[in-house]
C-alpha atoms as a PDB file:
ATOM      1  CA  MET A   1      20.539 -21.362 -30.904  1.00  0.00           C
ATOM      2  CA  ALA A   2      24.177 -21.575 -31.966  1.00  0.00           C
ATOM      3  CA  THR A   3      23.173 -22.138 -35.590  1.00  0.00           C
ATOM      4  CA  GLN A   4      21.548 -18.718 -35.928  1.00  0.00           C
ATOM      5  CA  GLN A   5      24.791 -16.764 -35.688  1.00  0.00           C
ATOM      6  CA  TYR A   6      26.092 -18.617 -38.765  1.00  0.00           C
ATOM      7  CA  ASN A   7      22.873 -18.637 -40.818  1.00  0.00           C
ATOM      8  CA  ASP A   8      24.212 -16.559 -43.712  1.00  0.00           C
ATOM      9  CA  ILE A   9      27.198 -18.875 -44.122  1.00  0.00           C
ATOM     10  CA  LEU A  10      25.454 -22.195 -43.531  1.00  0.00           C
ATOM     11  CA  GLN A  11      22.982 -21.627 -46.361  1.00  0.00           C
ATOM     12  CA  ASP A  12      25.826 -22.419 -48.769  1.00  0.00           C
ATOM     13  CA  PHE A  13      26.342 -25.895 -47.282  1.00  0.00           C
ATOM     14  CA  HIS A  14      24.500 -28.998 -48.406  1.00  0.00           C
ATOM     15  CA  GLN A  15      24.372 -32.775 -48.194  1.00  0.00           C
ATOM     16  CA  TYR A  16      24.506 -35.035 -51.233  1.00  0.00           C
ATOM     17  CA  PRO A  17      20.969 -36.275 -52.054  1.00  0.00           C
ATOM     18  CA  GLN A  18      20.556 -39.392 -49.908  1.00  0.00           C
ATOM     19  CA  ARG A  19      19.816 -42.375 -52.131  1.00  0.00           C
ATOM     20  CA  ASP A  20      21.591 -45.710 -51.752  1.00  0.00           C
ATOM     21  CA  SER A  21      24.942 -44.314 -50.671  1.00  0.00           C
ATOM     22  CA  LEU A  22      25.989 -42.711 -47.392  1.00  0.00           C
ATOM     23  CA  PHE A  23      28.745 -40.361 -46.293  1.00  0.00           C
ATOM     24  CA  ILE A  24      29.495 -40.717 -42.564  1.00  0.00           C
ATOM     25  CA  SER A  25      32.229 -38.992 -40.576  1.00  0.00           C
ATOM     26  CA  PHE A  26      33.647 -39.667 -37.124  1.00  0.00           C
ATOM     27  CA  GLU A  27      34.941 -36.967 -34.792  1.00  0.00           C
ATOM     28  CA  GLY A  28      36.507 -36.744 -31.349  1.00  0.00           C
ATOM     29  CA  ILE A  29      39.729 -35.953 -29.533  1.00  0.00           C
ATOM     30  CA  GLU A  30      42.634 -38.399 -29.349  1.00  0.00           C
ATOM     31  CA  GLY A  31      41.737 -41.676 -27.695  1.00  0.00           C
ATOM     32  CA  SER A  32      38.012 -41.422 -28.362  1.00  0.00           C
ATOM     33  CA  GLY A  33      37.963 -44.727 -30.249  1.00  0.00           C
ATOM     34  CA  LYS A  34      37.216 -43.512 -33.756  1.00  0.00           C
ATOM     35  CA  SER A  35      39.388 -46.111 -35.506  1.00  0.00           C
ATOM     36  CA  THR A  36      37.786 -48.988 -33.611  1.00  0.00           C
ATOM     37  CA  GLN A  37      34.229 -47.865 -34.311  1.00  0.00           C
ATOM     38  CA  ILE A  38      34.958 -47.139 -37.982  1.00  0.00           C
ATOM     39  CA  LYS A  39      36.274 -50.693 -38.361  1.00  0.00           C
ATOM     40  CA  LEU A  40      33.211 -52.187 -36.655  1.00  0.00           C
ATOM     41  CA  LEU A  41      30.780 -50.082 -38.697  1.00  0.00           C
ATOM     42  CA  SER A  42      32.600 -51.029 -41.895  1.00  0.00           C
ATOM     43  CA  GLU A  43      32.113 -54.708 -41.053  1.00  0.00           C
ATOM     44  CA  TYR A  44      28.417 -54.093 -40.296  1.00  0.00           C
ATOM     45  CA  PHE A  45      27.778 -52.462 -43.676  1.00  0.00           C
ATOM     46  CA  GLU A  46      29.754 -55.099 -45.575  1.00  0.00           C
ATOM     47  CA  GLN A  47      27.662 -57.825 -43.951  1.00  0.00           C
ATOM     48  CA  ASN A  48      24.587 -56.007 -45.240  1.00  0.00           C
ATOM     49  CA  GLY A  49      25.749 -55.950 -48.853  1.00  0.00           C
ATOM     50  CA  HIS A  50      27.295 -52.506 -49.154  1.00  0.00           C
ATOM     51  CA  GLN A  51      30.607 -51.483 -50.643  1.00  0.00           C
ATOM     52  CA  VAL A  52      32.560 -49.710 -47.913  1.00  0.00           C
ATOM     53  CA  ILE A  53      35.625 -47.513 -48.134  1.00  0.00           C
ATOM     54  CA  THR A  54      37.310 -45.656 -45.298  1.00  0.00           C
ATOM     55  CA  PHE A  55      39.451 -42.542 -45.436  1.00  0.00           C
ATOM     56  CA  ARG A  56      41.311 -40.397 -42.934  1.00  0.00           C
ATOM     57  CA  GLU A  57      42.000 -36.687 -42.790  1.00  0.00           C
ATOM     58  CA  PRO A  58      44.277 -35.243 -43.735  1.00  0.00           C
ATOM     59  CA  GLY A  59      44.934 -37.916 -46.343  1.00  0.00           C
ATOM     60  CA  GLY A  60      42.950 -40.309 -48.494  1.00  0.00           C
ATOM     61  CA  THR A  61      44.755 -39.367 -51.705  1.00  0.00           C
ATOM     62  CA  LYS A  62      48.420 -39.269 -52.677  1.00  0.00           C
ATOM     63  CA  PHE A  63      48.247 -35.483 -52.474  1.00  0.00           C
ATOM     64  CA  GLY A  64      46.516 -35.566 -49.087  1.00  0.00           C
ATOM     65  CA  GLU A  65      48.882 -38.114 -47.588  1.00  0.00           C
ATOM     66  CA  GLY A  66      51.793 -35.890 -48.584  1.00  0.00           C
ATOM     67  CA  LEU A  67      50.194 -32.977 -46.741  1.00  0.00           C
ATOM     68  CA  ARG A  68      49.492 -35.232 -43.760  1.00  0.00           C
ATOM     69  CA  GLU A  69      53.153 -36.118 -43.480  1.00  0.00           C
ATOM     70  CA  ALA A  70      54.176 -32.474 -43.766  1.00  0.00           C
ATOM     71  CA  ILE A  71      51.721 -31.339 -41.073  1.00  0.00           C
ATOM     72  CA  LEU A  72      51.938 -34.090 -38.461  1.00  0.00           C
ATOM     73  CA  GLN A  73      55.707 -34.444 -38.633  1.00  0.00           C
ATOM     74  CA  SER A  74      56.405 -30.717 -38.597  1.00  0.00           C
ATOM     75  CA  ASP A  75      58.895 -29.626 -35.942  1.00  0.00           C
ATOM     76  CA  THR A  76      58.076 -25.977 -36.593  1.00  0.00           C
ATOM     77  CA  PRO A  77      54.802 -24.416 -35.379  1.00  0.00           C
ATOM     78  CA  LEU A  78      52.526 -23.607 -38.317  1.00  0.00           C
ATOM     79  CA  HIS A  79      50.437 -20.469 -38.463  1.00  0.00           C
ATOM     80  CA  PRO A  80      46.791 -21.386 -37.691  1.00  0.00           C
ATOM     81  CA  MET A  81      45.688 -20.079 -41.093  1.00  0.00           C
ATOM     82  CA  ALA A  82      48.347 -22.205 -42.784  1.00  0.00           C
ATOM     83  CA  GLU A  83      46.988 -25.235 -40.909  1.00  0.00           C
ATOM     84  CA  ALA A  84      43.437 -24.409 -41.953  1.00  0.00           C
ATOM     85  CA  HIS A  85      44.309 -24.067 -45.630  1.00  0.00           C
ATOM     86  CA  LEU A  86      46.423 -27.225 -45.673  1.00  0.00           C
ATOM     87  CA  PHE A  87      43.572 -29.273 -44.238  1.00  0.00           C
ATOM     88  CA  ALA A  88      41.097 -27.651 -46.639  1.00  0.00           C
ATOM     89  CA  SER A  89      43.368 -28.443 -49.598  1.00  0.00           C
ATOM     90  CA  SER A  90      43.612 -32.104 -48.625  1.00  0.00           C
ATOM     91  CA  ARG A  91      39.842 -32.212 -48.071  1.00  0.00           C
ATOM     92  CA  ALA A  92      38.985 -30.637 -51.416  1.00  0.00           C
ATOM     93  CA  GLN A  93      41.083 -33.190 -53.296  1.00  0.00           C
ATOM     94  CA  LEU A  94      39.611 -36.089 -51.328  1.00  0.00           C
ATOM     95  CA  LEU A  95      36.076 -34.922 -52.087  1.00  0.00           C
ATOM     96  CA  HIS A  96      36.811 -34.367 -55.770  1.00  0.00           C
ATOM     97  CA  GLN A  97      38.818 -37.546 -56.339  1.00  0.00           C
ATOM     98  CA  GLU A  98      37.200 -40.126 -54.058  1.00  0.00           C
ATOM     99  CA  ILE A  99      34.071 -39.156 -52.133  1.00  0.00           C
ATOM    100  CA  ILE A 100      31.790 -37.383 -54.611  1.00  0.00           C
ATOM    101  CA  PRO A 101      32.314 -39.957 -57.413  1.00  0.00           C
ATOM    102  CA  ARG A 102      31.306 -42.729 -54.985  1.00  0.00           C
ATOM    103  CA  LEU A 103      28.199 -40.883 -53.792  1.00  0.00           C
ATOM    104  CA  LYS A 104      26.973 -40.988 -57.390  1.00  0.00           C
ATOM    105  CA  GLN A 105      27.001 -44.799 -57.295  1.00  0.00           C
ATOM    106  CA  LYS A 106      24.690 -47.256 -55.532  1.00  0.00           C
ATOM    107  CA  LYS A 107      25.232 -48.879 -52.129  1.00  0.00           C
ATOM    108  CA  GLN A 108      28.476 -47.053 -51.453  1.00  0.00           C
ATOM    109  CA  ILE A 109      29.378 -46.275 -47.843  1.00  0.00           C
ATOM    110  CA  ILE A 110      32.089 -43.695 -47.200  1.00  0.00           C
ATOM    111  CA  LEU A 111      33.451 -43.635 -43.646  1.00  0.00           C
ATOM    112  CA  LEU A 112      35.758 -40.754 -42.833  1.00  0.00           C
ATOM    113  CA  ASP A 113      38.022 -40.326 -39.815  1.00  0.00           C
ATOM    114  CA  ARG A 114      37.744 -36.540 -39.250  1.00  0.00           C
ATOM    115  CA  TYR A 115      36.237 -33.927 -41.539  1.00  0.00           C
ATOM    116  CA  LEU A 116      34.971 -30.325 -41.366  1.00  0.00           C
ATOM    117  CA  ASP A 117      34.179 -30.476 -37.643  1.00  0.00           C
ATOM    118  CA  SER A 118      37.832 -31.172 -36.868  1.00  0.00           C
ATOM    119  CA  SER A 119      38.805 -27.954 -38.623  1.00  0.00           C
ATOM    120  CA  LEU A 120      36.119 -26.078 -36.710  1.00  0.00           C
ATOM    121  CA  ALA A 121      37.373 -27.513 -33.401  1.00  0.00           C
ATOM    122  CA  TYR A 122      41.128 -27.464 -34.022  1.00  0.00           C
ATOM    123  CA  GLN A 123      41.709 -24.305 -36.034  1.00  0.00           C
ATOM    124  CA  GLY A 124      38.431 -22.506 -35.358  1.00  0.00           C
ATOM    125  CA  MET A 125      38.294 -22.906 -31.583  1.00  0.00           C
ATOM    126  CA  ALA A 126      41.585 -24.290 -30.249  1.00  0.00           C
ATOM    127  CA  ARG A 127      43.780 -22.129 -32.514  1.00  0.00           C
ATOM    128  CA  GLY A 128      41.475 -19.135 -32.167  1.00  0.00           C
ATOM    129  CA  LEU A 129      40.666 -18.424 -35.809  1.00  0.00           C
ATOM    130  CA  GLY A 130      36.950 -18.506 -35.103  1.00  0.00           C
ATOM    131  CA  VAL A 131      34.245 -20.840 -36.345  1.00  0.00           C
ATOM    132  CA  SER A 132      33.019 -18.301 -38.904  1.00  0.00           C
ATOM    133  CA  THR A 133      36.468 -18.104 -40.484  1.00  0.00           C
ATOM    134  CA  ILE A 134      36.597 -21.865 -41.001  1.00  0.00           C
ATOM    135  CA  LEU A 135      33.033 -22.051 -42.303  1.00  0.00           C
ATOM    136  CA  LYS A 136      33.736 -19.274 -44.814  1.00  0.00           C
ATOM    137  CA  LEU A 137      36.801 -21.168 -46.016  1.00  0.00           C
ATOM    138  CA  HIS A 138      34.459 -24.068 -46.846  1.00  0.00           C
ATOM    139  CA  GLN A 139      31.601 -22.137 -48.482  1.00  0.00           C
ATOM    140  CA  ASP A 140      32.499 -23.082 -52.052  1.00  0.00           C
ATOM    141  CA  ALA A 141      32.314 -26.464 -53.783  1.00  0.00           C
ATOM    142  CA  PRO A 142      33.438 -29.078 -53.176  1.00  0.00           C
ATOM    143  CA  LEU A 143      34.221 -28.081 -49.578  1.00  0.00           C
ATOM    144  CA  ASN A 144      30.618 -27.138 -48.778  1.00  0.00           C
ATOM    145  CA  LEU A 145      29.502 -30.785 -48.866  1.00  0.00           C
ATOM    146  CA  LEU A 146      28.379 -32.070 -45.474  1.00  0.00           C
ATOM    147  CA  PRO A 147      28.219 -35.736 -44.377  1.00  0.00           C
ATOM    148  CA  HIS A 148      24.801 -37.340 -44.038  1.00  0.00           C
ATOM    149  CA  LEU A 149      25.716 -38.227 -40.461  1.00  0.00           C
ATOM    150  CA  THR A 150      28.549 -37.511 -38.036  1.00  0.00           C
ATOM    151  CA  PHE A 151      29.332 -39.439 -34.865  1.00  0.00           C
ATOM    152  CA  TYR A 152      31.030 -37.335 -32.206  1.00  0.00           C
ATOM    153  CA  LEU A 153      32.655 -39.763 -29.776  1.00  0.00           C
ATOM    154  CA  LYS A 154      32.920 -37.635 -26.666  1.00  0.00           C
ATOM    155  CA  ILE A 155      35.405 -38.336 -23.871  1.00  0.00           C
ATOM    156  CA  SER A 156      36.915 -36.223 -21.110  1.00  0.00           C
ATOM    157  CA  LEU A 157      40.427 -34.836 -21.179  1.00  0.00           C
ATOM    158  CA  GLU A 158      41.372 -37.252 -18.395  1.00  0.00           C
ATOM    159  CA  THR A 159      40.151 -40.260 -20.376  1.00  0.00           C
ATOM    160  CA  SER A 160      42.018 -39.058 -23.460  1.00  0.00           C
ATOM    161  CA  MET A 161      45.281 -38.720 -21.572  1.00  0.00           C
ATOM    162  CA  GLU A 162      44.879 -42.121 -19.919  1.00  0.00           C
ATOM    163  CA  ARG A 163      44.272 -43.845 -23.247  1.00  0.00           C
ATOM    164  CA  GLN A 164      47.161 -42.058 -24.925  1.00  0.00           C
ATOM    165  CA  THR A 165      49.443 -43.185 -22.093  1.00  0.00           C
ATOM    166  CA  ILE A 166      48.302 -46.791 -22.520  1.00  0.00           C
ATOM    167  CA  ARG A 167      48.919 -46.666 -26.276  1.00  0.00           C
ATOM    168  CA  ASN A 168      52.349 -45.149 -25.671  1.00  0.00           C
ATOM    169  CA  ASN A 169      52.681 -44.030 -29.301  1.00  0.00           C
ATOM    170  CA  LYS A 170      55.054 -41.322 -30.424  1.00  0.00           C
ATOM    171  CA  LYS A 171      53.154 -38.048 -30.219  1.00  0.00           C
ATOM    172  CA  ASP A 172      52.572 -36.145 -33.455  1.00  0.00           C
ATOM    173  CA  TYR A 173      52.254 -32.407 -34.109  1.00  0.00           C
ATOM    174  CA  PHE A 174      48.840 -32.039 -32.427  1.00  0.00           C
ATOM    175  CA  GLU A 175      49.189 -34.693 -29.734  1.00  0.00           C
ATOM    176  CA  GLN A 176      52.048 -32.700 -28.206  1.00  0.00           C
ATOM    177  CA  GLU A 177      49.729 -29.814 -27.360  1.00  0.00           C
ATOM    178  CA  ASN A 178      48.977 -28.930 -23.729  1.00  0.00           C
ATOM    179  CA  HIS A 179      45.833 -29.506 -21.661  1.00  0.00           C
ATOM    180  CA  ASP A 180      44.385 -26.069 -22.394  1.00  0.00           C
ATOM    181  CA  PHE A 181      44.477 -26.847 -26.114  1.00  0.00           C
ATOM    182  CA  TYR A 182      42.601 -30.117 -25.540  1.00  0.00           C
ATOM    183  CA  LEU A 183      39.987 -28.401 -23.398  1.00  0.00           C
ATOM    184  CA  LYS A 184      39.379 -25.907 -26.205  1.00  0.00           C
ATOM    185  CA  LEU A 185      39.078 -28.831 -28.631  1.00  0.00           C
ATOM    186  CA  ILE A 186      36.352 -30.389 -26.512  1.00  0.00           C
ATOM    187  CA  GLU A 187      34.630 -27.013 -26.355  1.00  0.00           C
ATOM    188  CA  GLY A 188      34.928 -26.794 -30.132  1.00  0.00           C
ATOM    189  CA  TYR A 189      33.389 -30.198 -30.746  1.00  0.00           C
ATOM    190  CA  ASP A 190      30.574 -29.454 -28.314  1.00  0.00           C
ATOM    191  CA  HIS A 191      29.913 -26.242 -30.230  1.00  0.00           C
ATOM    192  CA  CYS A 192      29.823 -28.149 -33.532  1.00  0.00           C
ATOM    193  CA  ALA A 193      27.165 -30.430 -32.071  1.00  0.00           C
ATOM    194  CA  GLU A 194      25.086 -27.342 -31.269  1.00  0.00           C
ATOM    195  CA  VAL A 195      25.574 -25.817 -34.726  1.00  0.00           C
ATOM    196  CA  PHE A 196      24.686 -29.061 -36.554  1.00  0.00           C
ATOM    197  CA  PRO A 197      22.176 -30.826 -34.247  1.00  0.00           C
ATOM    198  CA  GLN A 198      20.501 -32.787 -37.044  1.00  0.00           C
ATOM    199  CA  ARG A 199      23.745 -34.160 -38.464  1.00  0.00           C
ATOM    200  CA  ILE A 200      25.907 -34.758 -35.394  1.00  0.00           C
ATOM    201  CA  LYS A 201      25.107 -37.593 -33.011  1.00  0.00           C
ATOM    202  CA  THR A 202      27.013 -37.232 -29.744  1.00  0.00           C
ATOM    203  CA  ILE A 203      27.922 -40.502 -28.044  1.00  0.00           C
ATOM    204  CA  ASP A 204      29.476 -41.017 -24.632  1.00  0.00           C
ATOM    205  CA  ALA A 205      32.654 -42.796 -25.688  1.00  0.00           C
ATOM    206  CA  SER A 206      33.816 -43.488 -22.129  1.00  0.00           C
ATOM    207  CA  THR A 207      31.597 -46.587 -22.105  1.00  0.00           C
ATOM    208  CA  SER A 208      32.395 -50.020 -23.564  1.00  0.00           C
ATOM    209  CA  VAL A 209      33.234 -50.624 -27.216  1.00  0.00           C
ATOM    210  CA  GLU A 210      30.104 -52.794 -27.481  1.00  0.00           C
ATOM    211  CA  GLU A 211      27.786 -50.124 -26.038  1.00  0.00           C
ATOM    212  CA  ILE A 212      29.180 -47.451 -28.365  1.00  0.00           C
ATOM    213  CA  GLN A 213      28.767 -49.747 -31.367  1.00  0.00           C
ATOM    214  CA  LYS A 214      25.179 -50.513 -30.328  1.00  0.00           C
ATOM    215  CA  GLN A 215      24.296 -46.809 -30.249  1.00  0.00           C
ATOM    216  CA  ILE A 216      25.923 -46.239 -33.632  1.00  0.00           C
ATOM    217  CA  ILE A 217      24.029 -49.122 -35.282  1.00  0.00           C
ATOM    218  CA  GLU A 218      20.744 -47.986 -33.736  1.00  0.00           C
ATOM    219  CA  THR A 219      21.298 -44.493 -35.182  1.00  0.00           C
ATOM    220  CA  ILE A 220      22.150 -45.938 -38.620  1.00  0.00           C
ATOM    221  CA  LYS A 221      18.939 -47.969 -38.666  1.00  0.00           C
ATOM    222  CA  LYS A 222      16.886 -44.800 -38.198  1.00  0.00           C
ATOM    223  CA  LEU A 223      18.240 -43.171 -41.360  1.00  0.00           C
END
């Protein structure tokens, strides 16, 4: 199994003891529908009496949002290792300042748009740094905290491009990458799902919004 090659590193990772609060991340390439499903899941939890907060990566704190602006608006290619460390810096502050304090409370739901798996896919696979390099960068606290559950909304490259064309938004630093980069991203996310089979739930996101939401809620109910 894919997990075995990373055994020595993965033993340093952990999930916060699951009590009343949950930490859930969403992953997928551009156009996979993460924002829509995060909004719908937030409404579901709120209707069931939970306090819900959503974050995005990079971002979520004043420090992180500053890094987000610097990365996504960059007109100069960044070294892959610089990218990896910038994302890790934003993530560490978000965990320290926002996520971990909430996990210590009751009935708190943290929904996060991108997390560790994005770094594994983007910098580890697509940029060629290697999955082990990214995992080692996250071995120490607070970066070694894993979500209780991750939804990987999987779509094809063709579907991604079609949806991006429909949205017609100005492309940021990563969205300007070529098809080969996107194919490596998909390969990276698929690999993450193999490395973390208990945590990552892969969902075919080429179906309807309603069908995707149904699968997400059904998975949540099994926790």
